[in-house]
Amino acid sequence: NYASAFAPQVVGLTGDEDELQAITKRYRVAYRLGKPDAEGNYVVYHSSAVFIFDTLGRVRLLADYTDGSRAIAHDLKQLLDVTD
């Protein structure tokens, strides 16, 4: 539900603890859960990078909020030009 608030096509990572540990190790990212409040809500602290995958599931670009939208758009355009 949280991820879909950004856009309907955004999907959050799910899985059991072993699956999450395996994927975070594979992509060298980190996360940790904050302490739940009285209602059971908690903060998830996590890496902020965005992985851009191609249609075969390969990572083609690693974007970060510090890159800026123009730089990311430029890189995406180059990827689209290469794969057309």
Protein backbone atom coordinates (compact mmCIF):
# COMPACT_ATOMS: atom_id res chain seq x y z
CA ASN A 1 0.00 0.00 0.00
CA TYR A 2 2.80 2.41 0.90
CA ALA A 3 4.65 2.04 -2.41
CA SER A 4 1.50 2.51 -4.50
CA ALA A 5 1.09 5.99 -2.97
CA PHE A 6 4.02 7.09 -5.17
CA ALA A 7 2.47 5.77 -8.38
CA PRO A 8 0.23 2.79 -9.20
CA GLN A 9 3.05 1.01 -11.07
CA VAL A 10 5.48 1.21 -8.10
CA VAL A 11 5.85 -2.14 -6.37
CA GLY A 12 7.49 -2.51 -2.98
CA LEU A 13 9.83 -5.38 -2.18
CA THR A 14 8.15 -8.19 -0.26
CA GLY A 15 9.18 -11.57 1.08
CA ASP A 16 10.10 -13.42 4.22
CA GLU A 17 13.23 -12.55 6.20
CA ASP A 18 15.48 -15.01 4.34
CA GLU A 19 14.30 -13.76 0.94
CA LEU A 20 14.82 -10.12 1.92
CA GLN A 21 18.31 -10.85 3.26
CA ALA A 22 19.25 -12.63 0.02
CA ILE A 23 18.06 -9.81 -2.24
CA THR A 24 19.64 -7.05 -0.14
CA LYS A 25 22.93 -8.94 -0.24
CA ARG A 26 22.67 -9.47 -4.01
CA TYR A 27 22.13 -5.76 -4.71
CA ARG A 28 24.29 -4.48 -1.84
CA VAL A 29 21.54 -2.43 -0.24
CA ALA A 30 20.53 -2.11 3.38
CA TYR A 31 17.37 -1.77 5.42
CA ARG A 32 16.23 -1.97 8.99
CA LEU A 33 12.87 -1.74 10.70
CA GLY A 34 12.16 0.90 13.31
CA LYS A 35 10.43 0.11 16.58
CA PRO A 36 6.66 -0.35 16.14
CA ASP A 37 4.42 2.25 17.77
CA ALA A 38 1.30 1.45 19.81
CA GLU A 39 -0.71 0.80 16.61
CA GLY A 40 1.96 -1.46 15.11
CA ASN A 41 3.18 1.13 12.57
CA TYR A 42 6.92 1.35 12.01
CA VAL A 43 9.47 3.18 9.90
CA VAL A 44 11.57 1.27 7.39
CA TYR A 45 15.02 2.78 6.94
CA HIS A 46 16.53 1.79 3.60
CA SER A 47 18.95 2.62 0.82
CA SER A 48 17.63 5.27 -1.53
CA ALA A 49 19.03 4.11 -4.86
CA VAL A 50 16.67 3.19 -7.69
CA PHE A 51 17.55 0.25 -9.90
CA ILE A 52 16.37 0.47 -13.52
CA PHE A 53 15.93 -2.96 -15.12
CA ASP A 54 15.57 -3.90 -18.77
CA THR A 55 12.88 -6.24 -20.08
CA LEU A 56 15.16 -9.23 -19.40
CA GLY A 57 15.46 -8.35 -15.72
CA ARG A 58 19.04 -7.06 -15.93
CA VAL A 59 20.04 -3.95 -14.01
CA ARG A 60 20.91 -1.28 -16.56
CA LEU A 61 21.13 1.86 -14.43
CA LEU A 62 21.53 2.80 -10.79
CA ALA A 63 19.98 6.17 -10.03
CA ASP A 64 20.12 8.17 -6.82
CA TYR A 65 18.19 11.25 -5.72
CA THR A 66 21.46 13.22 -5.78
CA ASP A 67 21.82 12.59 -9.52
CA GLY A 68 19.08 15.05 -10.44
CA SER A 69 16.25 14.55 -12.88
CA ARG A 70 18.13 15.87 -15.92
CA ALA A 71 21.02 13.47 -15.44
CA ILE A 72 18.67 10.52 -14.91
CA ALA A 73 16.58 11.50 -17.96
CA HIS A 74 19.78 11.74 -20.03
CA ASP A 75 20.90 8.26 -18.94
CA LEU A 76 17.46 6.78 -19.58
CA LYS A 77 17.40 8.28 -23.07
CA GLN A 78 20.79 6.76 -23.81
CA LEU A 79 19.54 3.37 -22.64
CA LEU A 80 16.45 3.66 -24.83
CA ASP A 81 18.56 4.65 -27.83
CA VAL A 82 20.82 1.63 -27.33
CA THR A 83 18.00 -0.87 -26.90
CA ASP A 84 15.79 0.32 -29.80
